PDB file of N, CA and C in Angstrom:
ATOM      1  N   MET A   1      -9.495  25.236  20.945  1.00  0.00           N
ATOM      2  CA  MET A   1      -8.605  26.276  21.382  1.00  0.00           C
ATOM      3  C   MET A   1      -9.217  27.070  22.523  1.00  0.00           C
ATOM      4  N   GLY A   2     -10.375  27.597  22.337  1.00  0.00           N
ATOM      5  CA  GLY A   2     -11.027  28.352  23.387  1.00  0.00           C
ATOM      6  C   GLY A   2     -10.654  29.821  23.368  1.00  0.00           C
ATOM      7  N   VAL A   3     -11.252  30.541  24.289  1.00  0.00           N
ATOM      8  CA  VAL A   3     -11.027  31.973  24.405  1.00  0.00           C
ATOM      9  C   VAL A   3      -9.883  32.210  25.386  1.00  0.00           C
ATOM     10  N   ARG A   4      -9.040  33.171  25.086  1.00  0.00           N
ATOM     11  CA  ARG A   4      -7.936  33.501  25.986  1.00  0.00           C
ATOM     12  C   ARG A   4      -8.468  34.087  27.284  1.00  0.00           C
ATOM     13  N   PRO A   5      -7.830  33.771  28.422  1.00  0.00           N
ATOM     14  CA  PRO A   5      -8.267  34.347  29.691  1.00  0.00           C
ATOM     15  C   PRO A   5      -8.055  35.864  29.703  1.00  0.00           C
ATOM     16  N   GLN A   6      -8.978  36.577  30.296  1.00  0.00           N
ATOM     17  CA  GLN A   6      -8.848  38.025  30.389  1.00  0.00           C
ATOM     18  C   GLN A   6      -7.753  38.385  31.378  1.00  0.00           C
ATOM     19  N   THR A   7      -7.080  39.482  31.115  1.00  0.00           N
ATOM     20  CA  THR A   7      -6.004  39.921  32.007  1.00  0.00           C
ATOM     21  C   THR A   7      -6.449  41.029  32.941  1.00  0.00           C
ATOM     22  N   ILE A   8      -7.686  41.499  32.786  1.00  0.00           N
ATOM     23  CA  ILE A   8      -8.191  42.522  33.692  1.00  0.00           C
ATOM     24  C   ILE A   8      -9.377  41.966  34.469  1.00  0.00           C
ATOM     25  N   THR A   9      -9.603  42.551  35.631  1.00  0.00           N
ATOM     26  CA  THR A   9     -10.729  42.185  36.481  1.00  0.00           C
ATOM     27  C   THR A   9     -11.450  43.467  36.866  1.00  0.00           C
ATOM     28  N   MET A  10     -12.744  43.459  36.757  1.00  0.00           N
ATOM     29  CA  MET A  10     -13.541  44.641  37.083  1.00  0.00           C
ATOM     30  C   MET A  10     -14.036  44.544  38.523  1.00  0.00           C
ATOM     31  N   ASP A  11     -14.246  45.705  39.137  1.00  0.00           N
ATOM     32  CA  ASP A  11     -14.885  45.722  40.452  1.00  0.00           C
ATOM     33  C   ASP A  11     -16.293  46.273  40.288  1.00  0.00           C
ATOM     34  N   THR A  12     -17.046  46.306  41.371  1.00  0.00           N
ATOM     35  CA  THR A  12     -18.445  46.732  41.281  1.00  0.00           C
ATOM     36  C   THR A  12     -18.580  48.210  40.946  1.00  0.00           C
ATOM     37  N   GLY A  13     -17.532  48.980  41.164  1.00  0.00           N
ATOM     38  CA  GLY A  13     -17.558  50.402  40.823  1.00  0.00           C
ATOM     39  C   GLY A  13     -17.208  50.684  39.379  1.00  0.00           C
ATOM     40  N   GLY A  14     -16.837  49.665  38.615  1.00  0.00           N
ATOM     41  CA  GLY A  14     -16.506  49.844  37.216  1.00  0.00           C
ATOM     42  C   GLY A  14     -15.027  50.079  36.956  1.00  0.00           C
ATOM     43  N   GLN A  15     -14.201  50.019  38.001  1.00  0.00           N
ATOM     44  CA  GLN A  15     -12.758  50.224  37.839  1.00  0.00           C
ATOM     45  C   GLN A  15     -12.100  48.919  37.391  1.00  0.00           C
ATOM     46  N   ALA A  16     -11.141  49.020  36.485  1.00  0.00           N
ATOM     47  CA  ALA A  16     -10.427  47.848  35.981  1.00  0.00           C
ATOM     48  C   ALA A  16      -9.171  47.613  36.812  1.00  0.00           C
ATOM     49  N   TRP A  17      -8.927  46.354  37.175  1.00  0.00           N
ATOM     50  CA  TRP A  17      -7.726  45.947  37.918  1.00  0.00           C
ATOM     51  C   TRP A  17      -6.906  45.045  37.010  1.00  0.00           C
ATOM     52  N   THR A  18      -5.609  45.258  36.967  1.00  0.00           N
ATOM     53  CA  THR A  18      -4.757  44.372  36.184  1.00  0.00           C
ATOM     54  C   THR A  18      -4.488  43.107  36.988  1.00  0.00           C
ATOM     55  N   GLU A  19      -3.989  42.098  36.311  1.00  0.00           N
ATOM     56  CA  GLU A  19      -3.661  40.841  36.991  1.00  0.00           C
ATOM     57  C   GLU A  19      -2.599  41.072  38.063  1.00  0.00           C
ATOM     58  N   ALA A  20      -1.617  41.919  37.778  1.00  0.00           N
ATOM     59  CA  ALA A  20      -0.556  42.209  38.742  1.00  0.00           C
ATOM     60  C   ALA A  20      -1.112  42.859  40.009  1.00  0.00           C
ATOM     61  N   GLN A  21      -2.087  43.745  39.859  1.00  0.00           N
ATOM     62  CA  GLN A  21      -2.703  44.392  41.014  1.00  0.00           C
ATOM     63  C   GLN A  21      -3.460  43.381  41.870  1.00  0.00           C
ATOM     64  N   VAL A  22      -4.196  42.478  41.225  1.00  0.00           N
ATOM     65  CA  VAL A  22      -4.962  41.475  41.960  1.00  0.00           C
ATOM     66  C   VAL A  22      -4.014  40.510  42.679  1.00  0.00           C
ATOM     67  N   VAL A  23      -2.940  40.095  42.004  1.00  0.00           N
ATOM     68  CA  VAL A  23      -1.964  39.188  42.624  1.00  0.00           C
ATOM     69  C   VAL A  23      -1.289  39.871  43.816  1.00  0.00           C
ATOM     70  N   GLU A  24      -0.983  41.145  43.699  1.00  0.00           N
ATOM     71  CA  GLU A  24      -0.385  41.895  44.815  1.00  0.00           C
ATOM     72  C   GLU A  24      -1.358  41.950  45.991  1.00  0.00           C
ATOM     73  N   LEU A  25      -2.628  42.134  45.705  1.00  0.00           N
ATOM     74  CA  LEU A  25      -3.658  42.157  46.747  1.00  0.00           C
ATOM     75  C   LEU A  25      -3.747  40.798  47.447  1.00  0.00           C
ATOM     76  N   ILE A  26      -3.727  39.729  46.675  1.00  0.00           N
ATOM     77  CA  ILE A  26      -3.778  38.380  47.235  1.00  0.00           C
ATOM     78  C   ILE A  26      -2.538  38.097  48.074  1.00  0.00           C
ATOM     79  N   THR A  27      -1.378  38.454  47.551  1.00  0.00           N
ATOM     80  CA  THR A  27      -0.121  38.211  48.259  1.00  0.00           C
ATOM     81  C   THR A  27      -0.084  38.946  49.587  1.00  0.00           C
ATOM     82  N   SER A  28      -0.504  40.197  49.594  1.00  0.00           N
ATOM     83  CA  SER A  28      -0.494  40.961  50.845  1.00  0.00           C
ATOM     84  C   SER A  28      -1.469  40.368  51.858  1.00  0.00           C
ATOM     85  N   HIS A  29      -2.588  39.829  51.374  1.00  0.00           N
ATOM     86  CA  HIS A  29      -3.556  39.217  52.297  1.00  0.00           C
ATOM     87  C   HIS A  29      -3.014  37.896  52.859  1.00  0.00           C
ATOM     88  N   LEU A  30      -2.346  37.119  52.020  1.00  0.00           N
ATOM     89  CA  LEU A  30      -1.813  35.824  52.470  1.00  0.00           C
ATOM     90  C   LEU A  30      -0.631  35.984  53.427  1.00  0.00           C
ATOM     91  N   GLU A  31       0.042  37.129  53.406  1.00  0.00           N
ATOM     92  CA  GLU A  31       1.175  37.365  54.295  1.00  0.00           C
ATOM     93  C   GLU A  31       0.748  37.686  55.723  1.00  0.00           C
ATOM     94  N   GLN A  32      -0.541  37.962  55.927  1.00  0.00           N
ATOM     95  CA  GLN A  32      -1.030  38.262  57.275  1.00  0.00           C
ATOM     96  C   GLN A  32      -0.949  37.015  58.148  1.00  0.00           C
ATOM     97  N   GLU A  33      -0.837  37.254  59.445  1.00  0.00           N
ATOM     98  CA  GLU A  33      -0.742  36.147  60.394  1.00  0.00           C
ATOM     99  C   GLU A  33      -2.073  35.398  60.468  1.00  0.00           C
ATOM    100  N   PHE A  34      -1.992  34.083  60.545  1.00  0.00           N
ATOM    101  CA  PHE A  34      -3.137  33.185  60.675  1.00  0.00           C
ATOM    102  C   PHE A  34      -4.027  33.144  59.431  1.00  0.00           C
ATOM    103  N   VAL A  35      -3.522  33.552  58.285  1.00  0.00           N
ATOM    104  CA  VAL A  35      -4.276  33.462  57.035  1.00  0.00           C
ATOM    105  C   VAL A  35      -3.636  32.376  56.191  1.00  0.00           C
ATOM    106  N   ASP A  36      -4.354  31.275  56.022  1.00  0.00           N
ATOM    107  CA  ASP A  36      -3.872  30.157  55.222  1.00  0.00           C
ATOM    108  C   ASP A  36      -5.022  29.716  54.316  1.00  0.00           C
ATOM    109  N   TYR A  37      -5.375  30.580  53.395  1.00  0.00           N
ATOM    110  CA  TYR A  37      -6.537  30.353  52.555  1.00  0.00           C
ATOM    111  C   TYR A  37      -6.165  29.650  51.270  1.00  0.00           C
ATOM    112  N   GLY A  38      -7.103  28.886  50.743  1.00  0.00           N
ATOM    113  CA  GLY A  38      -6.989  28.314  49.414  1.00  0.00           C
ATOM    114  C   GLY A  38      -7.645  29.252  48.413  1.00  0.00           C
ATOM    115  N   TYR A  39      -7.710  28.818  47.178  1.00  0.00           N
ATOM    116  CA  TYR A  39      -8.213  29.707  46.132  1.00  0.00           C
ATOM    117  C   TYR A  39      -9.710  30.002  46.282  1.00  0.00           C
ATOM    118  N   ILE A  40     -10.474  29.093  46.873  1.00  0.00           N
ATOM    119  CA  ILE A  40     -11.910  29.340  47.015  1.00  0.00           C
ATOM    120  C   ILE A  40     -12.174  30.417  48.070  1.00  0.00           C
ATOM    121  N   LYS A  41     -11.487  30.330  49.204  1.00  0.00           N
ATOM    122  CA  LYS A  41     -11.660  31.356  50.239  1.00  0.00           C
ATOM    123  C   LYS A  41     -11.114  32.703  49.784  1.00  0.00           C
ATOM    124  N   ILE A  42     -10.013  32.680  49.030  1.00  0.00           N
ATOM    125  CA  ILE A  42      -9.474  33.930  48.491  1.00  0.00           C
ATOM    126  C   ILE A  42     -10.473  34.555  47.521  1.00  0.00           C
ATOM    127  N   THR A  43     -11.119  33.734  46.698  1.00  0.00           N
ATOM    128  CA  THR A  43     -12.129  34.239  45.769  1.00  0.00           C
ATOM    129  C   THR A  43     -13.265  34.908  46.531  1.00  0.00           C
ATOM    130  N   LYS A  44     -13.742  34.248  47.574  1.00  0.00           N
ATOM    131  CA  LYS A  44     -14.839  34.804  48.376  1.00  0.00           C
ATOM    132  C   LYS A  44     -14.415  36.115  49.029  1.00  0.00           C
ATOM    133  N   TRP A  45     -13.169  36.169  49.519  1.00  0.00           N
ATOM    134  CA  TRP A  45     -12.644  37.388  50.138  1.00  0.00           C
ATOM    135  C   TRP A  45     -12.564  38.517  49.101  1.00  0.00           C
ATOM    136  N   LEU A  46     -12.092  38.208  47.891  1.00  0.00           N
ATOM    137  CA  LEU A  46     -12.004  39.226  46.843  1.00  0.00           C
ATOM    138  C   LEU A  46     -13.391  39.742  46.451  1.00  0.00           C
ATOM    139  N   GLN A  47     -14.358  38.840  46.420  1.00  0.00           N
ATOM    140  CA  GLN A  47     -15.717  39.252  46.045  1.00  0.00           C
ATOM    141  C   GLN A  47     -16.373  40.078  47.144  1.00  0.00           C
ATOM    142  N   ASP A  48     -16.283  39.609  48.383  1.00  0.00           N
ATOM    143  CA  ASP A  48     -17.005  40.257  49.482  1.00  0.00           C
ATOM    144  C   ASP A  48     -16.295  41.491  50.020  1.00  0.00           C
ATOM    145  N   GLU A  49     -15.010  41.387  50.294  1.00  0.00           N
ATOM    146  CA  GLU A  49     -14.282  42.474  50.946  1.00  0.00           C
ATOM    147  C   GLU A  49     -13.724  43.495  49.959  1.00  0.00           C
ATOM    148  N   GLN A  50     -13.288  43.031  48.790  1.00  0.00           N
ATOM    149  CA  GLN A  50     -12.656  43.933  47.829  1.00  0.00           C
ATOM    150  C   GLN A  50     -13.588  44.319  46.687  1.00  0.00           C
ATOM    151  N   SER A  51     -14.784  43.764  46.629  1.00  0.00           N
ATOM    152  CA  SER A  51     -15.813  44.068  45.627  1.00  0.00           C
ATOM    153  C   SER A  51     -15.343  43.822  44.197  1.00  0.00           C
ATOM    154  N   LEU A  52     -14.558  42.769  44.005  1.00  0.00           N
ATOM    155  CA  LEU A  52     -14.111  42.418  42.659  1.00  0.00           C
ATOM    156  C   LEU A  52     -15.081  41.427  42.029  1.00  0.00           C
ATOM    157  N   LEU A  53     -15.266  41.531  40.734  1.00  0.00           N
ATOM    158  CA  LEU A  53     -16.088  40.589  39.995  1.00  0.00           C
ATOM    159  C   LEU A  53     -15.153  39.527  39.424  1.00  0.00           C
ATOM    160  N   ILE A  54     -14.962  38.457  40.192  1.00  0.00           N
ATOM    161  CA  ILE A  54     -13.994  37.421  39.834  1.00  0.00           C
ATOM    162  C   ILE A  54     -14.569  36.074  40.240  1.00  0.00           C
ATOM    163  N   ASN A  55     -14.246  35.020  39.486  1.00  0.00           N
ATOM    164  CA  ASN A  55     -14.723  33.700  39.870  1.00  0.00           C
ATOM    165  C   ASN A  55     -13.545  32.844  40.329  1.00  0.00           C
ATOM    166  N   LYS A  56     -13.848  31.667  40.874  1.00  0.00           N
ATOM    167  CA  LYS A  56     -12.811  30.837  41.477  1.00  0.00           C
ATOM    168  C   LYS A  56     -11.841  30.278  40.446  1.00  0.00           C
ATOM    169  N   LYS A  57     -12.289  30.088  39.201  1.00  0.00           N
ATOM    170  CA  LYS A  57     -11.386  29.560  38.168  1.00  0.00           C
ATOM    171  C   LYS A  57     -10.294  30.566  37.827  1.00  0.00           C
ATOM    172  N   LYS A  58     -10.667  31.820  37.750  1.00  0.00           N
ATOM    173  CA  LYS A  58      -9.688  32.869  37.449  1.00  0.00           C
ATOM    174  C   LYS A  58      -8.726  33.043  38.616  1.00  0.00           C
ATOM    175  N   THR A  59      -9.252  32.992  39.832  1.00  0.00           N
ATOM    176  CA  THR A  59      -8.401  33.091  41.016  1.00  0.00           C
ATOM    177  C   THR A  59      -7.421  31.929  41.060  1.00  0.00           C
ATOM    178  N   TYR A  60      -7.902  30.724  40.796  1.00  0.00           N
ATOM    179  CA  TYR A  60      -7.038  29.541  40.778  1.00  0.00           C
ATOM    180  C   TYR A  60      -5.937  29.695  39.740  1.00  0.00           C
ATOM    181  N   ARG A  61      -6.300  30.145  38.542  1.00  0.00           N
ATOM    182  CA  ARG A  61      -5.331  30.299  37.461  1.00  0.00           C
ATOM    183  C   ARG A  61      -4.234  31.302  37.844  1.00  0.00           C
ATOM    184  N   MET A  62      -4.632  32.433  38.441  1.00  0.00           N
ATOM    185  CA  MET A  62      -3.647  33.448  38.838  1.00  0.00           C
ATOM    186  C   MET A  62      -2.764  32.950  39.977  1.00  0.00           C
ATOM    187  N   MET A  63      -3.363  32.297  40.966  1.00  0.00           N
ATOM    188  CA  MET A  63      -2.587  31.807  42.104  1.00  0.00           C
ATOM    189  C   MET A  63      -1.631  30.699  41.671  1.00  0.00           C
ATOM    190  N   ARG A  64      -2.045  29.832  40.749  1.00  0.00           N
ATOM    191  CA  ARG A  64      -1.163  28.782  40.251  1.00  0.00           C
ATOM    192  C   ARG A  64       0.002  29.376  39.479  1.00  0.00           C
ATOM    193  N   LYS A  65      -0.287  30.360  38.634  1.00  0.00           N
ATOM    194  CA  LYS A  65       0.736  30.999  37.812  1.00  0.00           C
ATOM    195  C   LYS A  65       1.805  31.677  38.659  1.00  0.00           C
ATOM    196  N   HIS A  66       1.411  32.236  39.802  1.00  0.00           N
ATOM    197  CA  HIS A  66       2.343  32.982  40.647  1.00  0.00           C
ATOM    198  C   HIS A  66       2.805  32.196  41.876  1.00  0.00           C
ATOM    199  N   GLY A  67       2.494  30.912  41.934  1.00  0.00           N
ATOM    200  CA  GLY A  67       2.980  30.046  43.005  1.00  0.00           C
ATOM    201  C   GLY A  67       2.388  30.334  44.373  1.00  0.00           C
ATOM    202  N   LEU A  68       1.127  30.706  44.428  1.00  0.00           N
ATOM    203  CA  LEU A  68       0.480  31.053  45.697  1.00  0.00           C
ATOM    204  C   LEU A  68      -0.451  29.974  46.228  1.00  0.00           C
ATOM    205  N   LEU A  69      -0.574  28.866  45.517  1.00  0.00           N
ATOM    206  CA  LEU A  69      -1.474  27.800  45.966  1.00  0.00           C
ATOM    207  C   LEU A  69      -0.851  27.020  47.119  1.00  0.00           C
ATOM    208  N   ASN A  70      -1.703  26.528  47.997  1.00  0.00           N
ATOM    209  CA  ASN A  70      -1.241  25.649  49.068  1.00  0.00           C
ATOM    210  C   ASN A  70      -0.878  24.292  48.478  1.00  0.00           C
ATOM    211  N   ARG A  71      -0.006  23.591  49.160  1.00  0.00           N
ATOM    212  CA  ARG A  71       0.314  22.234  48.727  1.00  0.00           C
ATOM    213  C   ARG A  71      -0.850  21.311  49.066  1.00  0.00           C
ATOM    214  N   ARG A  72      -1.026  20.295  48.260  1.00  0.00           N
ATOM    215  CA  ARG A  72      -2.086  19.324  48.528  1.00  0.00           C
ATOM    216  C   ARG A  72      -1.690  18.463  49.720  1.00  0.00           C
ATOM    217  N   PRO A  73      -2.654  18.049  50.530  1.00  0.00           N
ATOM    218  CA  PRO A  73      -2.322  17.196  51.674  1.00  0.00           C
ATOM    219  C   PRO A  73      -1.818  15.832  51.216  1.00  0.00           C
ATOM    220  N   VAL A  74      -0.833  15.326  51.926  1.00  0.00           N
ATOM    221  CA  VAL A  74      -0.260  14.028  51.609  1.00  0.00           C
ATOM    222  C   VAL A  74      -1.042  12.972  52.380  1.00  0.00           C
ATOM    223  N   ARG A  75      -1.598  12.039  51.678  1.00  0.00           N
ATOM    224  CA  ARG A  75      -2.378  10.964  52.299  1.00  0.00           C
ATOM    225  C   ARG A  75      -1.459   9.773  52.549  1.00  0.00           C
ATOM    226  N   SER A  76      -1.571   9.203  53.707  1.00  0.00           N
ATOM    227  CA  SER A  76      -0.736   8.073  54.061  1.00  0.00           C
ATOM    228  C   SER A  76      -1.364   6.773  53.559  1.00  0.00           C
ATOM    229  N   ALA A  77      -0.546   5.927  52.981  1.00  0.00           N
ATOM    230  CA  ALA A  77      -1.019   4.623  52.516  1.00  0.00           C
ATOM    231  C   ALA A  77      -1.129   3.647  53.683  1.00  0.00           C
ATOM    232  N   LEU A  78      -0.492   3.965  54.815  1.00  0.00           N
ATOM    233  CA  LEU A  78      -0.503   3.086  55.976  1.00  0.00           C
ATOM    234  C   LEU A  78      -1.921   2.862  56.484  1.00  0.00           C
ATOM    235  N   ARG A  79      -2.721   3.901  56.543  1.00  0.00           N
ATOM    236  CA  ARG A  79      -4.097   3.776  57.027  1.00  0.00           C
ATOM    237  C   ARG A  79      -4.908   2.849  56.115  1.00  0.00           C
ATOM    238  N   LYS A  80      -4.728   2.969  54.822  1.00  0.00           N
ATOM    239  CA  LYS A  80      -5.461   2.120  53.893  1.00  0.00           C
ATOM    240  C   LYS A  80      -5.072   0.655  54.076  1.00  0.00           C
ATOM    241  N   GLN A  81      -3.785   0.403  54.327  1.00  0.00           N
ATOM    242  CA  GLN A  81      -3.333  -0.971  54.530  1.00  0.00           C
ATOM    243  C   GLN A  81      -3.952  -1.540  55.796  1.00  0.00           C
ATOM    244  N   TRP A  82      -4.037  -0.728  56.856  1.00  0.00           N
ATOM    245  CA  TRP A  82      -4.602  -1.187  58.117  1.00  0.00           C
ATOM    246  C   TRP A  82      -6.069  -1.559  57.928  1.00  0.00           C
ATOM    247  N   ILE A  83      -6.805  -0.738  57.201  1.00  0.00           N
ATOM    248  CA  ILE A  83      -8.220  -1.009  56.936  1.00  0.00           C
ATOM    249  C   ILE A  83      -8.355  -2.290  56.118  1.00  0.00           C
ATOM    250  N   LYS A  84      -7.488  -2.465  55.142  1.00  0.00           N
ATOM    251  CA  LYS A  84      -7.543  -3.654  54.301  1.00  0.00           C
ATOM    252  C   LYS A  84      -7.266  -4.910  55.132  1.00  0.00           C
ATOM    253  N   GLU A  85      -6.267  -4.825  56.033  1.00  0.00           N
ATOM    254  CA  GLU A  85      -5.959  -5.965  56.901  1.00  0.00           C
ATOM    255  C   GLU A  85      -7.118  -6.258  57.841  1.00  0.00           C
ATOM    256  N   LEU A  86      -7.739  -5.221  58.377  1.00  0.00           N
ATOM    257  CA  LEU A  86      -8.883  -5.395  59.274  1.00  0.00           C
ATOM    258  C   LEU A  86     -10.028  -6.076  58.537  1.00  0.00           C
ATOM    259  N   TRP A  87     -10.282  -5.677  57.297  1.00  0.00           N
ATOM    260  CA  TRP A  87     -11.349  -6.272  56.513  1.00  0.00           C
ATOM    261  C   TRP A  87     -11.044  -7.745  56.224  1.00  0.00           C
ATOM    262  N   CYS A  88      -9.775  -8.041  55.914  1.00  0.00           N
ATOM    263  CA  CYS A  88      -9.391  -9.433  55.634  1.00  0.00           C
ATOM    264  C   CYS A  88      -9.581 -10.306  56.877  1.00  0.00           C
ATOM    265  N   ARG A  89      -9.239  -9.775  58.042  1.00  0.00           N
ATOM    266  CA  ARG A  89      -9.412 -10.545  59.299  1.00  0.00           C
ATOM    267  C   ARG A  89     -10.883 -10.823  59.566  1.00  0.00           C
ATOM    268  N   THR A  90     -11.754  -9.863  59.313  1.00  0.00           N
ATOM    269  CA  THR A  90     -13.182 -10.093  59.569  1.00  0.00           C
ATOM    270  C   THR A  90     -13.762 -11.095  58.584  1.00  0.00           C
ATOM    271  N   GLN A  91     -13.231 -11.168  57.383  1.00  0.00           N
ATOM    272  CA  GLN A  91     -13.709 -12.129  56.400  1.00  0.00           C
ATOM    273  C   GLN A  91     -13.285 -13.551  56.758  1.00  0.00           C
ATOM    274  N   GLN A  92     -12.138 -13.684  57.407  1.00  0.00           N
ATOM    275  CA  GLN A  92     -11.654 -15.002  57.812  1.00  0.00           C
ATOM    276  C   GLN A  92     -12.517 -15.610  58.911  1.00  0.00           C
ATOM    277  N   HIS A  93     -13.053 -14.745  59.768  1.00  0.00           N
ATOM    278  CA  HIS A  93     -13.858 -15.239  60.874  1.00  0.00           C
ATOM    279  C   HIS A  93     -15.279 -15.598  60.472  1.00  0.00           C
ATOM    280  N   LEU A  94     -15.679 -15.237  59.280  1.00  0.00           N
ATOM    281  CA  LEU A  94     -17.046 -15.535  58.841  1.00  0.00           C
ATOM    282  C   LEU A  94     -17.161 -16.919  58.310  1.00  0.00           C
TER     283      LEU A  94
END
């Protein structure tokens, strides 16, 4: 079962932040121009700039829950087929 995730986050000054406050902070930062961060960069920003005591797993969990994660890159199968064909051609010449 495990331990339930905490709903509060502490900062270095000892102040408690609720999950809603942290998500609002993340959302406002992501709305800025030219900011396209993933959960790891957001975690680093929260730790360094906002002085929150938070790890990347908690940041990931909150961002996933509120739909703030970036989409995963789509990999094309065409490139893999080309490499496979190239390898087959080199084997024929040997």
